C-alpha atoms as a PDB file:
ATOM      1  CA  UNK A   1       6.496  -5.077  72.622  1.00  0.00           C
ATOM      2  CA  UNK A   2       9.878  -5.976  70.968  1.00  0.00           C
ATOM      3  CA  UNK A   3       8.494  -4.271  67.710  1.00  0.00           C
ATOM      4  CA  UNK A   4       7.753  -1.111  69.902  1.00  0.00           C
ATOM      5  CA  UNK A   5      10.948  -1.134  71.606  1.00  0.00           C
ATOM      6  CA  UNK A   6      12.511  -1.205  68.073  1.00  0.00           C
ATOM      7  CA  UNK A   7      10.454   1.150  67.415  1.00  0.00           C
ATOM      8  CA  UNK A   8      11.358   3.831  69.899  1.00  0.00           C
ATOM      9  CA  UNK A   9      15.169   2.964  69.617  1.00  0.00           C
ATOM     10  CA  UNK A  10      14.941   3.201  66.053  1.00  0.00           C
ATOM     11  CA  UNK A  11      13.536   6.865  66.758  1.00  0.00           C
ATOM     12  CA  UNK A  12      15.378   8.321  69.026  1.00  0.00           C
ATOM     13  CA  UNK A  13      19.453   9.196  69.177  1.00  0.00           C
ATOM     14  CA  UNK A  14      22.122   8.649  71.118  1.00  0.00           C
ATOM     15  CA  UNK A  15      23.131  11.849  73.583  1.00  0.00           C
ATOM     16  CA  UNK A  16      24.874  12.130  76.541  1.00  0.00           C
ATOM     17  CA  UNK A  17      23.483  12.896  79.936  1.00  0.00           C
ATOM     18  CA  UNK A  18      24.675  15.350  82.326  1.00  0.00           C
ATOM     19  CA  UNK A  19      23.316  16.624  85.880  1.00  0.00           C
ATOM     20  CA  UNK A  20      22.817  15.547  89.046  1.00  0.00           C
ATOM     21  CA  UNK A  21      19.008  14.202  90.315  1.00  0.00           C
ATOM     22  CA  UNK A  22      16.500  15.224  92.788  1.00  0.00           C
ATOM     23  CA  UNK A  23      14.679  12.007  94.091  1.00  0.00           C
ATOM     24  CA  UNK A  24      11.148  13.137  95.604  1.00  0.00           C
ATOM     25  CA  UNK A  25       8.313  10.183  96.506  1.00  0.00           C
ATOM     26  CA  UNK A  26       5.204  10.799  95.106  1.00  0.00           C
ATOM     27  CA  UNK A  27       1.888   9.465  95.855  1.00  0.00           C
ATOM     28  CA  UNK A  28      -0.356   8.298  93.571  1.00  0.00           C
ATOM     29  CA  UNK A  29      -2.903  11.299  92.767  1.00  0.00           C
ATOM     30  CA  UNK A  30      -6.568  10.303  91.974  1.00  0.00           C
ATOM     31  CA  UNK A  31      -8.338  10.970  88.249  1.00  0.00           C
ATOM     32  CA  UNK A  32     -10.008  14.106  89.262  1.00  0.00           C
ATOM     33  CA  UNK A  33      -6.897  15.387  90.548  1.00  0.00           C
ATOM     34  CA  UNK A  34      -5.446  14.870  87.395  1.00  0.00           C
ATOM     35  CA  UNK A  35      -8.174  16.692  85.259  1.00  0.00           C
ATOM     36  CA  UNK A  36      -7.698  19.846  87.131  1.00  0.00           C
ATOM     37  CA  UNK A  37      -4.881  21.014  84.625  1.00  0.00           C
ATOM     38  CA  UNK A  38      -4.764  22.112  81.282  1.00  0.00           C
ATOM     39  CA  UNK A  39      -2.781  20.402  78.196  1.00  0.00           C
ATOM     40  CA  UNK A  40      -1.832  22.031  75.194  1.00  0.00           C
ATOM     41  CA  UNK A  41      -1.674  20.295  72.055  1.00  0.00           C
ATOM     42  CA  UNK A  42       0.697  22.385  70.287  1.00  0.00           C
ATOM     43  CA  UNK A  43       3.768  20.961  72.658  1.00  0.00           C
ATOM     44  CA  UNK A  44       5.706  18.059  71.713  1.00  0.00           C
ATOM     45  CA  UNK A  45       7.743  15.818  73.968  1.00  0.00           C
ATOM     46  CA  UNK A  46      10.348  13.623  72.295  1.00  0.00           C
ATOM     47  CA  UNK A  47      12.441  11.173  74.149  1.00  0.00           C
ATOM     48  CA  UNK A  48      15.902  11.698  72.402  1.00  0.00           C
ATOM     49  CA  UNK A  49      18.205   9.105  74.891  1.00  0.00           C
ATOM     50  CA  UNK A  50      18.472   5.406  73.508  1.00  0.00           C
ATOM     51  CA  UNK A  51      15.552   3.077  75.789  1.00  0.00           C
ATOM     52  CA  UNK A  52      17.245   0.175  75.827  1.00  0.00           C
ATOM     53  CA  UNK A  53      16.613  -2.819  78.006  1.00  0.00           C
ATOM     54  CA  UNK A  54      19.148  -1.784  81.164  1.00  0.00           C
ATOM     55  CA  UNK A  55      21.061  -3.989  82.933  1.00  0.00           C
ATOM     56  CA  UNK A  56      21.955  -1.961  85.213  1.00  0.00           C
ATOM     57  CA  UNK A  57      19.546  -0.044  87.783  1.00  0.00           C
ATOM     58  CA  UNK A  58      19.974   3.743  86.463  1.00  0.00           C
ATOM     59  CA  UNK A  59      19.221   5.155  83.030  1.00  0.00           C
ATOM     60  CA  UNK A  60      20.263   8.592  81.751  1.00  0.00           C
ATOM     61  CA  UNK A  61      16.972   9.896  79.961  1.00  0.00           C
ATOM     62  CA  UNK A  62      16.649  13.111  77.537  1.00  0.00           C
ATOM     63  CA  UNK A  63      13.800  14.777  76.002  1.00  0.00           C
ATOM     64  CA  UNK A  64      13.544  17.590  73.762  1.00  0.00           C
ATOM     65  CA  UNK A  65      10.082  19.596  74.281  1.00  0.00           C
ATOM     66  CA  UNK A  66       8.558  21.382  71.333  1.00  0.00           C
ATOM     67  CA  UNK A  67       5.899  24.228  71.774  1.00  0.00           C
ATOM     68  CA  UNK A  68       4.865  24.752  68.076  1.00  0.00           C
ATOM     69  CA  UNK A  69       7.754  24.709  66.536  1.00  0.00           C
ATOM     70  CA  UNK A  70       9.780  26.060  69.110  1.00  0.00           C
ATOM     71  CA  UNK A  71      12.092  24.706  71.601  1.00  0.00           C
ATOM     72  CA  UNK A  72      10.099  25.007  74.979  1.00  0.00           C
ATOM     73  CA  UNK A  73      13.131  26.424  77.458  1.00  0.00           C
ATOM     74  CA  UNK A  74      12.732  27.401  81.319  1.00  0.00           C
ATOM     75  CA  UNK A  75      10.112  24.532  82.195  1.00  0.00           C
ATOM     76  CA  UNK A  76       9.826  22.530  85.481  1.00  0.00           C
ATOM     77  CA  UNK A  77      10.410  19.182  83.494  1.00  0.00           C
ATOM     78  CA  UNK A  78      10.436  16.037  86.055  1.00  0.00           C
ATOM     79  CA  UNK A  79      10.253  11.552  85.065  1.00  0.00           C
ATOM     80  CA  UNK A  80       7.850   9.595  87.585  1.00  0.00           C
ATOM     81  CA  UNK A  81       8.309   5.991  87.923  1.00  0.00           C
ATOM     82  CA  UNK A  82       6.434   3.034  88.902  1.00  0.00           C
ATOM     83  CA  UNK A  83       5.833  -0.742  88.268  1.00  0.00           C
ATOM     84  CA  UNK A  84       2.504  -2.033  88.660  1.00  0.00           C
ATOM     85  CA  UNK A  85       0.557  -1.987  91.567  1.00  0.00           C
ATOM     86  CA  UNK A  86       2.900   0.480  93.502  1.00  0.00           C
ATOM     87  CA  UNK A  87       1.045   3.554  95.132  1.00  0.00           C
ATOM     88  CA  UNK A  88       4.264   5.711  95.913  1.00  0.00           C
ATOM     89  CA  UNK A  89       6.121   6.755  92.756  1.00  0.00           C
ATOM     90  CA  UNK A  90       9.706   7.905  92.480  1.00  0.00           C
ATOM     91  CA  UNK A  91       9.864  11.292  91.058  1.00  0.00           C
ATOM     92  CA  UNK A  92      13.202  12.481  89.542  1.00  0.00           C
ATOM     93  CA  UNK A  93      14.010  16.376  88.374  1.00  0.00           C
ATOM     94  CA  UNK A  94      15.343  17.120  84.985  1.00  0.00           C
ATOM     95  CA  UNK A  95      17.883  19.539  84.339  1.00  0.00           C
ATOM     96  CA  UNK A  96      18.045  21.975  81.840  1.00  0.00           C
ATOM     97  CA  UNK A  97      20.518  21.856  79.120  1.00  0.00           C
ATOM     98  CA  UNK A  98      20.367  23.802  75.666  1.00  0.00           C
ATOM     99  CA  UNK A  99      17.391  24.422  73.091  1.00  0.00           C
ATOM    100  CA  UNK A 100      14.886  22.899  75.076  1.00  0.00           C
ATOM    101  CA  UNK A 101      16.526  19.835  76.014  1.00  0.00           C
ATOM    102  CA  UNK A 102      16.188  18.146  79.710  1.00  0.00           C
ATOM    103  CA  UNK A 103      17.910  15.534  81.533  1.00  0.00           C
ATOM    104  CA  UNK A 104      18.133  13.301  84.311  1.00  0.00           C
ATOM    105  CA  UNK A 105      18.744  10.157  85.979  1.00  0.00           C
ATOM    106  CA  UNK A 106      16.265   7.247  86.718  1.00  0.00           C
ATOM    107  CA  UNK A 107      16.867   4.797  89.997  1.00  0.00           C
ATOM    108  CA  UNK A 108      15.325   1.908  89.826  1.00  0.00           C
ATOM    109  CA  UNK A 109      15.074  -0.464  92.808  1.00  0.00           C
ATOM    110  CA  UNK A 110      14.782  -3.872  91.014  1.00  0.00           C
ATOM    111  CA  UNK A 111      14.504  -5.794  87.898  1.00  0.00           C
ATOM    112  CA  UNK A 112      10.815  -5.636  86.184  1.00  0.00           C
ATOM    113  CA  UNK A 113       8.662  -3.546  83.619  1.00  0.00           C
ATOM    114  CA  UNK A 114       8.396   0.255  84.406  1.00  0.00           C
ATOM    115  CA  UNK A 115       6.257   3.366  83.631  1.00  0.00           C
ATOM    116  CA  UNK A 116       8.060   6.660  83.029  1.00  0.00           C
ATOM    117  CA  UNK A 117       5.957   9.628  82.765  1.00  0.00           C
ATOM    118  CA  UNK A 118       7.903  12.690  81.646  1.00  0.00           C
ATOM    119  CA  UNK A 119       5.859  15.560  83.383  1.00  0.00           C
ATOM    120  CA  UNK A 120       6.537  18.748  81.611  1.00  0.00           C
ATOM    121  CA  UNK A 121       5.179  21.829  83.489  1.00  0.00           C
ATOM    122  CA  UNK A 122       5.204  25.815  82.286  1.00  0.00           C
ATOM    123  CA  UNK A 123       2.625  28.565  82.718  1.00  0.00           C
ATOM    124  CA  UNK A 124      -0.673  27.314  81.686  1.00  0.00           C
ATOM    125  CA  UNK A 125       1.244  24.351  80.308  1.00  0.00           C
ATOM    126  CA  UNK A 126       1.148  20.960  81.586  1.00  0.00           C
ATOM    127  CA  UNK A 127       1.554  17.715  79.727  1.00  0.00           C
ATOM    128  CA  UNK A 128       2.781  14.542  80.252  1.00  0.00           C
ATOM    129  CA  UNK A 129       3.634  11.016  78.298  1.00  0.00           C
ATOM    130  CA  UNK A 130       4.200   8.107  79.406  1.00  0.00           C
ATOM    131  CA  UNK A 131       7.040   5.058  77.951  1.00  0.00           C
ATOM    132  CA  UNK A 132       7.472   1.680  79.047  1.00  0.00           C
ATOM    133  CA  UNK A 133      10.863   0.263  79.693  1.00  0.00           C
ATOM    134  CA  UNK A 134      11.947  -3.228  80.973  1.00  0.00           C
ATOM    135  CA  UNK A 135      15.015  -3.150  83.341  1.00  0.00           C
ATOM    136  CA  UNK A 136      16.603  -6.288  83.573  1.00  0.00           C
ATOM    137  CA  UNK A 137      19.150  -7.997  85.761  1.00  0.00           C
END
């Protein structure tokens, strides 16, 4: 796990973030509902903010999106967070920056291991990527 964290930290750059965040609650969907959308293999989701073990219960996060070699702009981007066993997942809308970059502030209620799923939608594109973080005390 530490090797993965180190690899993620090594591969990402430090960028300060901005923006307001809208928080919504989402129920976990069944597999058949998740399979009803189409995925595009040309879309790349790259986490560009450092993912370290935040001692605080909030994390600024930024992703860069590419569709082929072009920045993916005007997309609907959000972040879903949860711990194992949770059925209600907070959802944080991202705000679009420049050149396909999207930012948000994630809030965590307690320390522990979290899954963060990045959701990207634009037209027929519906992509997502999961990362794993540890929130310290």
